[in-house]
Amino acid sequence: ENLWSVLYLTGYLTRDREREAEREDCVRLVIPNREVRDIFVKKIQMWFSEKIKSSADVLNEMYHALVCGEVETAERIISDQLRYTISYHDQKEDFYHGFLIGLLSGNKDWKLISNREMGLGRSDIVVREYSRRRFGIVIEIKRAENEIEMNRKCEEALQQIQDKRYAEELVELMDTVWVYGIAFAEKSCRMKGKKLK
């Protein structure tokens, strides 16, 4: 809203006099002329391409960290993404599950399996490559009431992966297998990882 207001007040957008907005508290805006349109096309396209490249670089760094067991890096990136995307009202475990699926689904080489029967129960998220058998990842998610409880919840998640044998199938099929317990509390993330193979 601030961006649109600044663009309107500086004349880069003007009020559309021909078509009024459907709601009284809204104003329909238009680009006033060809010169301003050219500025929009060049600057906004440049801004979006930089933003997309930056996001892709960050996600690729996270994917690499998960495959290599770089827990601190993955934790930092996930925590940063949480700060930019969620509300304090979005604090249920299923929300964090969907949030993580969204981050992981950006890698087109990965097959994501969510809430599928594995071992003796249902694992939260399983990741494996589509075409190769180099690695597999099992992620169990826990919601913590506060940051103090997060380490315990990570350990609890890792213990659940072990007790329920979620990674058994991957250990047989893949060259490398990592398991991660991830705890979320509000806009914070804590991770613990363990290499099984």
N, C-alpha and C. Protein backbone atom coordinates (compact mmCIF):
# COMPACT_ATOMS: atom_id res chain seq x y z
N GLU A 1 0.83 -1.20 0.00
CA GLU A 1 0.00 0.00 0.00
C GLU A 1 0.87 1.25 0.00
N ASN A 2 1.96 1.23 0.73
CA ASN A 2 2.87 2.38 0.75
C ASN A 2 3.47 2.64 -0.63
N LEU A 3 3.84 1.56 -1.32
CA LEU A 3 4.43 1.70 -2.65
C LEU A 3 3.45 2.36 -3.59
N TRP A 4 2.19 1.89 -3.62
CA TRP A 4 1.19 2.46 -4.53
C TRP A 4 0.93 3.92 -4.18
N SER A 5 0.88 4.23 -2.90
CA SER A 5 0.65 5.62 -2.47
C SER A 5 1.77 6.53 -2.94
N VAL A 6 3.01 6.10 -2.77
CA VAL A 6 4.15 6.92 -3.20
C VAL A 6 4.12 7.12 -4.71
N LEU A 7 3.84 6.06 -5.46
CA LEU A 7 3.78 6.17 -6.92
C LEU A 7 2.66 7.12 -7.35
N TYR A 8 1.53 7.09 -6.65
CA TYR A 8 0.41 7.98 -6.94
C TYR A 8 0.75 9.43 -6.61
N LEU A 9 1.31 9.64 -5.44
CA LEU A 9 1.62 11.01 -5.00
C LEU A 9 2.72 11.66 -5.84
N THR A 10 3.62 10.85 -6.41
CA THR A 10 4.70 11.40 -7.22
C THR A 10 4.33 11.49 -8.71
N GLY A 11 3.14 11.03 -9.07
CA GLY A 11 2.68 11.16 -10.45
C GLY A 11 3.03 10.00 -11.36
N TYR A 12 3.69 8.98 -10.83
CA TYR A 12 4.01 7.82 -11.66
C TYR A 12 2.76 6.97 -11.91
N LEU A 13 1.74 7.16 -11.12
CA LEU A 13 0.42 6.59 -11.36
C LEU A 13 -0.59 7.72 -11.18
N THR A 14 -1.66 7.70 -11.97
CA THR A 14 -2.72 8.70 -11.82
C THR A 14 -4.05 7.99 -11.69
N ARG A 15 -5.04 8.75 -11.26
CA ARG A 15 -6.38 8.20 -11.07
C ARG A 15 -7.02 7.93 -12.44
N ASP A 16 -7.64 6.78 -12.58
CA ASP A 16 -8.35 6.42 -13.81
C ASP A 16 -9.71 7.11 -13.78
N ARG A 17 -9.84 8.16 -14.58
CA ARG A 17 -11.09 8.94 -14.59
C ARG A 17 -12.20 8.23 -15.37
N GLU A 18 -11.82 7.34 -16.29
CA GLU A 18 -12.83 6.67 -17.11
C GLU A 18 -13.53 5.54 -16.37
N ARG A 19 -12.80 4.84 -15.53
CA ARG A 19 -13.39 3.70 -14.81
C ARG A 19 -13.14 3.89 -13.33
N GLU A 20 -14.19 3.95 -12.58
CA GLU A 20 -14.08 4.10 -11.13
C GLU A 20 -13.91 2.72 -10.49
N ALA A 21 -13.31 2.67 -9.33
CA ALA A 21 -13.14 1.42 -8.58
C ALA A 21 -14.49 0.95 -8.06
N GLU A 22 -14.61 -0.37 -7.85
CA GLU A 22 -15.86 -0.96 -7.38
C GLU A 22 -16.17 -0.56 -5.94
N ARG A 23 -15.16 -0.33 -5.14
CA ARG A 23 -15.36 0.02 -3.73
C ARG A 23 -15.04 1.49 -3.50
N GLU A 24 -15.73 2.09 -2.54
CA GLU A 24 -15.54 3.51 -2.25
C GLU A 24 -14.16 3.80 -1.65
N ASP A 25 -13.60 2.83 -0.91
CA ASP A 25 -12.32 3.07 -0.24
C ASP A 25 -11.12 2.74 -1.14
N CYS A 26 -11.38 2.51 -2.43
CA CYS A 26 -10.30 2.19 -3.37
C CYS A 26 -10.29 3.21 -4.50
N VAL A 27 -9.12 3.35 -5.10
CA VAL A 27 -8.95 4.20 -6.27
C VAL A 27 -8.31 3.35 -7.35
N ARG A 28 -8.88 3.40 -8.55
CA ARG A 28 -8.30 2.67 -9.68
C ARG A 28 -7.20 3.55 -10.28
N LEU A 29 -5.99 2.99 -10.41
CA LEU A 29 -4.85 3.76 -10.88
C LEU A 29 -4.40 3.29 -12.26
N VAL A 30 -3.82 4.20 -13.02
CA VAL A 30 -3.30 3.87 -14.35
C VAL A 30 -1.93 4.53 -14.52
N ILE A 31 -1.17 4.01 -15.45
CA ILE A 31 0.10 4.63 -15.84
C ILE A 31 -0.26 5.80 -16.76
N PRO A 32 0.22 7.01 -16.46
CA PRO A 32 -0.29 8.19 -17.16
C PRO A 32 0.14 8.37 -18.62
N ASN A 33 1.34 7.88 -19.00
CA ASN A 33 1.79 8.10 -20.37
C ASN A 33 2.86 7.08 -20.76
N ARG A 34 3.26 7.15 -22.03
CA ARG A 34 4.20 6.18 -22.59
C ARG A 34 5.59 6.27 -21.92
N GLU A 35 6.05 7.47 -21.62
CA GLU A 35 7.36 7.64 -21.01
C GLU A 35 7.42 6.97 -19.64
N VAL A 36 6.37 7.19 -18.85
CA VAL A 36 6.31 6.56 -17.52
C VAL A 36 6.16 5.05 -17.66
N ARG A 37 5.39 4.63 -18.68
CA ARG A 37 5.23 3.18 -18.92
C ARG A 37 6.59 2.54 -19.21
N ASP A 38 7.42 3.19 -20.01
CA ASP A 38 8.75 2.65 -20.32
C ASP A 38 9.60 2.52 -19.05
N ILE A 39 9.49 3.52 -18.17
CA ILE A 39 10.21 3.44 -16.90
C ILE A 39 9.73 2.23 -16.10
N PHE A 40 8.40 2.05 -16.02
CA PHE A 40 7.84 0.91 -15.30
C PHE A 40 8.36 -0.40 -15.87
N VAL A 41 8.29 -0.53 -17.19
CA VAL A 41 8.69 -1.79 -17.82
C VAL A 41 10.14 -2.11 -17.50
N LYS A 42 11.03 -1.12 -17.69
CA LYS A 42 12.46 -1.36 -17.47
C LYS A 42 12.78 -1.59 -16.00
N LYS A 43 12.33 -0.69 -15.14
CA LYS A 43 12.69 -0.77 -13.72
C LYS A 43 12.03 -1.95 -13.02
N ILE A 44 10.74 -2.15 -13.27
CA ILE A 44 10.03 -3.23 -12.57
C ILE A 44 10.53 -4.59 -13.06
N GLN A 45 10.75 -4.72 -14.37
CA GLN A 45 11.30 -5.98 -14.85
C GLN A 45 12.67 -6.24 -14.26
N MET A 46 13.50 -5.21 -14.17
CA MET A 46 14.83 -5.36 -13.57
C MET A 46 14.69 -5.76 -12.09
N TRP A 47 13.80 -5.06 -11.37
CA TRP A 47 13.60 -5.35 -9.95
C TRP A 47 13.12 -6.79 -9.74
N PHE A 48 12.12 -7.22 -10.54
CA PHE A 48 11.61 -8.58 -10.39
C PHE A 48 12.67 -9.62 -10.74
N SER A 49 13.44 -9.37 -11.80
CA SER A 49 14.45 -10.37 -12.17
C SER A 49 15.52 -10.48 -11.09
N GLU A 50 15.89 -9.33 -10.49
CA GLU A 50 16.87 -9.38 -9.39
C GLU A 50 16.29 -10.10 -8.18
N LYS A 51 15.02 -9.83 -7.87
CA LYS A 51 14.37 -10.46 -6.71
C LYS A 51 14.26 -11.96 -6.92
N ILE A 52 13.84 -12.38 -8.12
CA ILE A 52 13.69 -13.80 -8.40
C ILE A 52 15.04 -14.50 -8.36
N LYS A 53 16.08 -13.87 -8.95
CA LYS A 53 17.42 -14.46 -8.92
C LYS A 53 17.90 -14.60 -7.48
N SER A 54 17.67 -13.55 -6.69
CA SER A 54 18.08 -13.58 -5.29
C SER A 54 17.37 -14.69 -4.53
N SER A 55 16.06 -14.83 -4.73
CA SER A 55 15.30 -15.89 -4.06
C SER A 55 15.77 -17.26 -4.50
N ALA A 56 16.01 -17.41 -5.80
CA ALA A 56 16.47 -18.70 -6.31
C ALA A 56 17.83 -19.06 -5.72
N ASP A 57 18.72 -18.08 -5.61
CA ASP A 57 20.04 -18.33 -5.03
C ASP A 57 19.91 -18.79 -3.57
N VAL A 58 19.02 -18.14 -2.82
CA VAL A 58 18.82 -18.49 -1.41
C VAL A 58 18.25 -19.90 -1.29
N LEU A 59 17.25 -20.20 -2.11
CA LEU A 59 16.66 -21.55 -2.05
C LEU A 59 17.66 -22.62 -2.47
N ASN A 60 18.46 -22.34 -3.49
CA ASN A 60 19.48 -23.31 -3.90
C ASN A 60 20.49 -23.55 -2.79
N GLU A 61 20.82 -22.49 -2.05
CA GLU A 61 21.72 -22.63 -0.91
C GLU A 61 21.08 -23.53 0.16
N MET A 62 19.77 -23.37 0.37
CA MET A 62 19.07 -24.21 1.35
C MET A 62 19.03 -25.67 0.90
N TYR A 63 18.74 -25.89 -0.39
CA TYR A 63 18.71 -27.27 -0.90
C TYR A 63 20.06 -27.95 -0.70
N HIS A 64 21.12 -27.23 -1.04
CA HIS A 64 22.47 -27.77 -0.87
C HIS A 64 22.75 -28.08 0.60
N ALA A 65 22.34 -27.17 1.48
CA ALA A 65 22.57 -27.37 2.91
C ALA A 65 21.87 -28.62 3.41
N LEU A 66 20.65 -28.86 2.97
CA LEU A 66 19.90 -30.06 3.41
C LEU A 66 20.56 -31.34 2.91
N VAL A 67 21.04 -31.33 1.69
CA VAL A 67 21.67 -32.52 1.11
C VAL A 67 23.01 -32.81 1.78
N CYS A 68 23.70 -31.76 2.23
CA CYS A 68 25.04 -31.91 2.80
C CYS A 68 25.06 -31.91 4.33
N GLY A 69 23.92 -31.76 4.97
CA GLY A 69 23.89 -31.77 6.43
C GLY A 69 24.35 -30.48 7.07
N GLU A 70 24.29 -29.38 6.35
CA GLU A 70 24.70 -28.09 6.89
C GLU A 70 23.51 -27.47 7.63
N VAL A 71 23.29 -27.95 8.84
CA VAL A 71 22.10 -27.62 9.62
C VAL A 71 21.99 -26.12 9.89
N GLU A 72 23.08 -25.48 10.27
CA GLU A 72 23.03 -24.06 10.62
C GLU A 72 22.60 -23.21 9.43
N THR A 73 23.09 -23.54 8.25
CA THR A 73 22.73 -22.78 7.05
C THR A 73 21.26 -22.95 6.72
N ALA A 74 20.78 -24.20 6.71
CA ALA A 74 19.37 -24.45 6.42
C ALA A 74 18.48 -23.78 7.45
N GLU A 75 18.84 -23.87 8.70
CA GLU A 75 18.06 -23.25 9.78
C GLU A 75 17.98 -21.73 9.59
N ARG A 76 19.08 -21.12 9.26
CA ARG A 76 19.11 -19.67 9.05
C ARG A 76 18.20 -19.26 7.90
N ILE A 77 18.28 -19.97 6.79
CA ILE A 77 17.48 -19.63 5.62
C ILE A 77 15.99 -19.82 5.90
N ILE A 78 15.63 -20.93 6.52
CA ILE A 78 14.22 -21.17 6.83
C ILE A 78 13.70 -20.11 7.79
N SER A 79 14.49 -19.77 8.79
CA SER A 79 14.09 -18.72 9.74
C SER A 79 13.91 -17.38 9.04
N ASP A 80 14.82 -17.04 8.12
CA ASP A 80 14.68 -15.79 7.37
C ASP A 80 13.39 -15.79 6.55
N GLN A 81 13.09 -16.91 5.90
CA GLN A 81 11.87 -16.99 5.10
C GLN A 81 10.63 -16.86 5.98
N LEU A 82 10.68 -17.43 7.16
CA LEU A 82 9.55 -17.31 8.11
C LEU A 82 9.29 -15.85 8.45
N ARG A 83 10.34 -15.11 8.69
CA ARG A 83 10.18 -13.71 9.09
C ARG A 83 9.51 -12.88 8.00
N TYR A 84 9.75 -13.25 6.73
CA TYR A 84 9.20 -12.47 5.62
C TYR A 84 7.79 -12.90 5.24
N THR A 85 7.37 -14.10 5.65
CA THR A 85 6.14 -14.64 5.06
C THR A 85 4.99 -14.88 6.02
N ILE A 86 5.22 -15.22 7.28
CA ILE A 86 4.09 -15.65 8.10
C ILE A 86 3.64 -14.57 9.07
N SER A 87 2.43 -14.76 9.52
CA SER A 87 1.85 -13.90 10.54
C SER A 87 1.98 -14.63 11.88
N TYR A 88 1.93 -13.89 12.96
CA TYR A 88 1.96 -14.52 14.28
C TYR A 88 0.73 -15.38 14.52
N HIS A 89 -0.30 -15.20 13.67
CA HIS A 89 -1.51 -16.01 13.82
C HIS A 89 -1.35 -17.39 13.17
N ASP A 90 -0.36 -17.55 12.30
CA ASP A 90 -0.13 -18.82 11.59
C ASP A 90 0.85 -19.68 12.38
N GLN A 91 0.38 -20.30 13.44
CA GLN A 91 1.32 -21.02 14.28
C GLN A 91 0.92 -22.47 14.54
N LYS A 92 0.20 -23.07 13.62
CA LYS A 92 -0.17 -24.47 13.79
C LYS A 92 0.85 -25.33 13.06
N GLU A 93 0.99 -26.55 13.50
CA GLU A 93 1.99 -27.43 12.89
C GLU A 93 1.70 -27.64 11.41
N ASP A 94 0.42 -27.75 11.03
CA ASP A 94 0.10 -27.97 9.62
C ASP A 94 0.46 -26.76 8.76
N PHE A 95 0.42 -25.55 9.34
CA PHE A 95 0.86 -24.38 8.59
C PHE A 95 2.36 -24.48 8.31
N TYR A 96 3.15 -24.80 9.32
CA TYR A 96 4.60 -24.92 9.14
C TYR A 96 4.93 -26.03 8.14
N HIS A 97 4.15 -27.10 8.19
CA HIS A 97 4.31 -28.20 7.24
C HIS A 97 4.13 -27.69 5.81
N GLY A 98 3.03 -26.98 5.57
CA GLY A 98 2.76 -26.43 4.24
C GLY A 98 3.80 -25.42 3.82
N PHE A 99 4.24 -24.60 4.75
CA PHE A 99 5.28 -23.61 4.48
C PHE A 99 6.56 -24.30 3.99
N LEU A 100 6.96 -25.36 4.69
CA LEU A 100 8.18 -26.08 4.32
C LEU A 100 8.02 -26.80 2.97
N ILE A 101 6.86 -27.38 2.74
CA ILE A 101 6.58 -28.01 1.44
C ILE A 101 6.73 -26.97 0.33
N GLY A 102 6.22 -25.76 0.58
CA GLY A 102 6.34 -24.70 -0.41
C GLY A 102 7.78 -24.34 -0.72
N LEU A 103 8.61 -24.25 0.31
CA LEU A 103 10.04 -23.95 0.08
C LEU A 103 10.73 -25.07 -0.68
N LEU A 104 10.44 -26.30 -0.31
CA LEU A 104 11.12 -27.44 -0.91
C LEU A 104 10.64 -27.74 -2.34
N SER A 105 9.41 -27.36 -2.65
CA SER A 105 8.85 -27.68 -3.96
C SER A 105 9.48 -26.85 -5.08
N GLY A 106 10.29 -25.88 -4.73
CA GLY A 106 10.97 -25.09 -5.74
C GLY A 106 12.05 -25.85 -6.48
N ASN A 107 12.48 -26.99 -5.95
CA ASN A 107 13.51 -27.78 -6.61
C ASN A 107 12.83 -28.84 -7.49
N LYS A 108 12.91 -28.63 -8.79
CA LYS A 108 12.21 -29.51 -9.74
C LYS A 108 12.83 -30.90 -9.85
N ASP A 109 14.05 -31.07 -9.32
CA ASP A 109 14.70 -32.39 -9.37
C ASP A 109 14.30 -33.27 -8.19
N TRP A 110 13.54 -32.69 -7.25
CA TRP A 110 13.18 -33.43 -6.03
C TRP A 110 11.74 -33.92 -6.08
N LYS A 111 11.57 -35.11 -5.59
CA LYS A 111 10.22 -35.65 -5.40
C LYS A 111 9.89 -35.49 -3.92
N LEU A 112 8.77 -34.81 -3.63
CA LEU A 112 8.35 -34.61 -2.25
C LEU A 112 7.20 -35.55 -1.92
N ILE A 113 7.31 -36.18 -0.79
CA ILE A 113 6.25 -37.06 -0.31
C ILE A 113 5.81 -36.51 1.05
N SER A 114 4.53 -36.22 1.17
CA SER A 114 4.02 -35.59 2.38
C SER A 114 2.98 -36.48 3.06
N ASN A 115 3.18 -36.71 4.35
CA ASN A 115 2.23 -37.49 5.16
C ASN A 115 1.92 -38.87 4.59
N ARG A 116 2.93 -39.52 4.05
CA ARG A 116 2.72 -40.86 3.51
C ARG A 116 3.18 -41.89 4.51
N GLU A 117 2.54 -43.05 4.48
CA GLU A 117 2.96 -44.13 5.37
C GLU A 117 4.38 -44.55 5.04
N MET A 118 5.21 -44.51 6.06
CA MET A 118 6.61 -44.93 5.93
C MET A 118 6.93 -45.68 7.21
N GLY A 119 7.58 -46.81 7.10
CA GLY A 119 7.93 -47.56 8.30
C GLY A 119 6.70 -47.91 9.11
N LEU A 120 6.64 -47.43 10.36
CA LEU A 120 5.54 -47.77 11.26
C LEU A 120 4.59 -46.58 11.50
N GLY A 121 4.58 -45.63 10.60
CA GLY A 121 3.70 -44.48 10.79
C GLY A 121 3.66 -43.60 9.56
N ARG A 122 3.35 -42.34 9.77
CA ARG A 122 3.29 -41.36 8.68
C ARG A 122 4.37 -40.29 8.91
N SER A 123 5.30 -40.23 8.00
CA SER A 123 6.35 -39.21 8.12
C SER A 123 5.81 -37.89 7.58
N ASP A 124 6.31 -36.79 8.13
CA ASP A 124 5.85 -35.48 7.66
C ASP A 124 6.27 -35.22 6.22
N ILE A 125 7.58 -35.22 5.97
CA ILE A 125 8.07 -34.93 4.62
C ILE A 125 9.24 -35.85 4.29
N VAL A 126 9.18 -36.43 3.11
CA VAL A 126 10.29 -37.22 2.59
C VAL A 126 10.70 -36.61 1.26
N VAL A 127 12.00 -36.44 1.07
CA VAL A 127 12.54 -35.85 -0.16
C VAL A 127 13.48 -36.85 -0.78
N ARG A 128 13.37 -36.99 -2.09
CA ARG A 128 14.34 -37.81 -2.83
C ARG A 128 14.44 -37.28 -4.24
N GLU A 129 15.51 -37.61 -4.92
CA GLU A 129 15.67 -37.16 -6.29
C GLU A 129 14.75 -37.96 -7.21
N TYR A 130 14.28 -37.32 -8.26
CA TYR A 130 13.43 -38.02 -9.22
C TYR A 130 14.19 -39.09 -9.99
N SER A 131 15.35 -38.73 -10.52
CA SER A 131 16.01 -39.62 -11.48
C SER A 131 17.21 -40.38 -10.93
N ARG A 132 17.72 -40.00 -9.77
CA ARG A 132 18.90 -40.67 -9.23
C ARG A 132 18.63 -41.17 -7.84
N ARG A 133 19.59 -41.89 -7.30
CA ARG A 133 19.46 -42.43 -5.95
C ARG A 133 20.60 -41.96 -5.07
N ARG A 134 21.00 -40.71 -5.25
CA ARG A 134 22.15 -40.20 -4.49
C ARG A 134 21.79 -39.90 -3.05
N PHE A 135 20.60 -39.36 -2.80
CA PHE A 135 20.27 -38.98 -1.44
C PHE A 135 18.77 -39.04 -1.18
N GLY A 136 18.46 -39.16 0.10
CA GLY A 136 17.08 -39.07 0.57
C GLY A 136 17.08 -38.30 1.89
N ILE A 137 15.99 -37.62 2.16
CA ILE A 137 15.86 -36.80 3.36
C ILE A 137 14.50 -37.08 4.00
N VAL A 138 14.51 -37.24 5.32
CA VAL A 138 13.26 -37.36 6.08
C VAL A 138 13.21 -36.19 7.04
N ILE A 139 12.06 -35.50 7.04
CA ILE A 139 11.88 -34.35 7.92
C ILE A 139 10.66 -34.56 8.79
N GLU A 140 10.86 -34.41 10.08
CA GLU A 140 9.73 -34.46 11.03
C GLU A 140 9.62 -33.08 11.67
N ILE A 141 8.40 -32.56 11.69
CA ILE A 141 8.15 -31.19 12.15
C ILE A 141 7.43 -31.21 13.49
N LYS A 142 7.85 -30.32 14.37
CA LYS A 142 7.18 -30.15 15.66
C LYS A 142 6.95 -28.66 15.89
N ARG A 143 5.87 -28.35 16.55
CA ARG A 143 5.60 -26.98 16.96
C ARG A 143 5.95 -26.84 18.43
N ALA A 144 6.72 -25.82 18.75
CA ALA A 144 7.10 -25.56 20.14
C ALA A 144 6.32 -24.35 20.64
N GLU A 145 6.08 -24.33 21.93
CA GLU A 145 5.37 -23.20 22.53
C GLU A 145 6.24 -21.94 22.59
N ASN A 146 7.55 -22.15 22.70
CA ASN A 146 8.47 -21.01 22.79
C ASN A 146 9.86 -21.47 22.36
N GLU A 147 10.77 -20.54 22.29
CA GLU A 147 12.13 -20.86 21.82
C GLU A 147 12.88 -21.78 22.78
N ILE A 148 12.57 -21.72 24.05
CA ILE A 148 13.24 -22.57 25.04
C ILE A 148 12.95 -24.04 24.78
N GLU A 149 11.75 -24.32 24.32
CA GLU A 149 11.30 -25.70 24.10
C GLU A 149 11.77 -26.28 22.76
N MET A 150 12.35 -25.45 21.90
CA MET A 150 12.65 -25.89 20.54
C MET A 150 13.68 -27.02 20.45
N ASN A 151 14.75 -26.96 21.23
CA ASN A 151 15.76 -28.02 21.18
C ASN A 151 15.16 -29.37 21.55
N ARG A 152 14.34 -29.38 22.59
CA ARG A 152 13.69 -30.63 23.02
C ARG A 152 12.78 -31.17 21.93
N LYS A 153 12.07 -30.28 21.25
CA LYS A 153 11.16 -30.71 20.18
C LYS A 153 11.94 -31.27 18.98
N CYS A 154 13.10 -30.71 18.70
CA CYS A 154 13.95 -31.25 17.62
C CYS A 154 14.38 -32.68 17.96
N GLU A 155 14.83 -32.88 19.20
CA GLU A 155 15.23 -34.22 19.64
C GLU A 155 14.04 -35.19 19.59
N GLU A 156 12.89 -34.70 19.99
CA GLU A 156 11.68 -35.53 19.96
C GLU A 156 11.35 -35.95 18.52
N ALA A 157 11.51 -35.03 17.58
CA ALA A 157 11.25 -35.33 16.18
C ALA A 157 12.23 -36.38 15.64
N LEU A 158 13.52 -36.23 15.97
CA LEU A 158 14.51 -37.22 15.54
C LEU A 158 14.23 -38.59 16.15
N GLN A 159 13.82 -38.59 17.40
CA GLN A 159 13.49 -39.85 18.07
C GLN A 159 12.28 -40.52 17.40
N GLN A 160 11.31 -39.72 17.01
CA GLN A 160 10.14 -40.26 16.32
C GLN A 160 10.51 -40.89 14.99
N ILE A 161 11.41 -40.23 14.24
CA ILE A 161 11.87 -40.80 12.97
C ILE A 161 12.51 -42.16 13.21
N GLN A 162 13.32 -42.26 14.27
CA GLN A 162 13.97 -43.52 14.59
C GLN A 162 12.96 -44.57 15.05
N ASP A 163 12.11 -44.21 16.02
CA ASP A 163 11.15 -45.17 16.58
C ASP A 163 10.17 -45.69 15.55
N LYS A 164 9.73 -44.81 14.66
CA LYS A 164 8.73 -45.18 13.65
C LYS A 164 9.36 -45.69 12.36
N ARG A 165 10.68 -45.71 12.31
CA ARG A 165 11.44 -46.25 11.17
C ARG A 165 11.07 -45.57 9.85
N TYR A 166 10.90 -44.27 9.88
CA TYR A 166 10.52 -43.54 8.68
C TYR A 166 11.56 -43.63 7.57
N ALA A 167 12.83 -43.74 7.93
CA ALA A 167 13.90 -43.68 6.93
C ALA A 167 14.34 -45.05 6.42
N GLU A 168 13.74 -46.11 6.92
CA GLU A 168 14.17 -47.47 6.59
C GLU A 168 14.23 -47.72 5.08
N GLU A 169 13.18 -47.35 4.39
CA GLU A 169 13.10 -47.56 2.94
C GLU A 169 14.18 -46.77 2.21
N LEU A 170 14.41 -45.55 2.64
CA LEU A 170 15.42 -44.72 1.98
C LEU A 170 16.83 -45.27 2.21
N VAL A 171 17.09 -45.79 3.40
CA VAL A 171 18.40 -46.35 3.71
C VAL A 171 18.71 -47.50 2.76
N GLU A 172 17.70 -48.27 2.40
CA GLU A 172 17.90 -49.40 1.46
C GLU A 172 18.14 -48.93 0.04
N LEU A 173 17.52 -47.80 -0.34
CA LEU A 173 17.54 -47.38 -1.74
C LEU A 173 18.59 -46.33 -2.08
N MET A 174 18.92 -45.47 -1.15
CA MET A 174 19.72 -44.29 -1.46
C MET A 174 21.18 -44.42 -1.01
N ASP A 175 22.05 -43.65 -1.66
CA ASP A 175 23.46 -43.63 -1.28
C ASP A 175 23.67 -42.91 0.04
N THR A 176 22.96 -41.81 0.24
CA THR A 176 23.09 -40.99 1.45
C THR A 176 21.70 -40.68 1.98
N VAL A 177 21.54 -40.75 3.30
CA VAL A 177 20.24 -40.42 3.91
C VAL A 177 20.47 -39.50 5.11
N TRP A 178 19.76 -38.37 5.10
CA TRP A 178 19.76 -37.43 6.22
C TRP A 178 18.38 -37.39 6.83
N VAL A 179 18.31 -37.28 8.14
CA VAL A 179 17.04 -37.07 8.83
C VAL A 179 17.15 -35.77 9.62
N TYR A 180 16.04 -35.01 9.63
CA TYR A 180 16.03 -33.73 10.30
C TYR A 180 14.80 -33.61 11.20
N GLY A 181 15.04 -33.15 12.41
CA GLY A 181 13.97 -32.75 13.30
C GLY A 181 13.94 -31.24 13.28
N ILE A 182 12.77 -30.68 12.93
CA ILE A 182 12.65 -29.22 12.84
C ILE A 182 11.55 -28.76 13.78
N ALA A 183 11.88 -27.81 14.62
CA ALA A 183 10.90 -27.24 15.55
C ALA A 183 10.65 -25.79 15.16
N PHE A 184 9.38 -25.40 15.19
CA PHE A 184 8.98 -24.03 14.89
C PHE A 184 8.32 -23.42 16.12
N ALA A 185 8.63 -22.17 16.37
CA ALA A 185 7.94 -21.40 17.39
C ALA A 185 7.79 -19.99 16.84
N GLU A 186 6.56 -19.60 16.60
CA GLU A 186 6.26 -18.31 15.99
C GLU A 186 7.07 -18.14 14.71
N LYS A 187 7.97 -17.15 14.66
CA LYS A 187 8.74 -16.89 13.43
C LYS A 187 10.17 -17.40 13.54
N SER A 188 10.38 -18.43 14.37
CA SER A 188 11.71 -19.01 14.54
C SER A 188 11.71 -20.48 14.19
N CYS A 189 12.87 -20.93 13.76
CA CYS A 189 13.05 -22.33 13.38
C CYS A 189 14.31 -22.85 14.04
N ARG A 190 14.29 -24.07 14.49
CA ARG A 190 15.48 -24.73 15.04
C ARG A 190 15.53 -26.11 14.37
N MET A 191 16.73 -26.54 14.02
CA MET A 191 16.91 -27.82 13.35
C MET A 191 18.00 -28.64 13.99
N LYS A 192 17.79 -29.95 13.95
CA LYS A 192 18.86 -30.89 14.28
C LYS A 192 18.84 -31.96 13.21
N GLY A 193 20.02 -32.39 12.82
CA GLY A 193 20.11 -33.37 11.74
C GLY A 193 21.02 -34.52 12.11
N LYS A 194 20.82 -35.61 11.39
CA LYS A 194 21.63 -36.80 11.63
C LYS A 194 21.77 -37.56 10.31
N LYS A 195 23.00 -37.96 10.01
CA LYS A 195 23.24 -38.74 8.79
C LYS A 195 23.13 -40.21 9.14
N LEU A 196 22.25 -40.92 8.43
CA LEU A 196 22.08 -42.34 8.68
C LEU A 196 22.93 -43.20 7.77
N LYS A 197 23.31 -42.68 6.64
CA LYS A 197 24.06 -43.47 5.68
C LYS A 197 24.89 -42.54 4.79
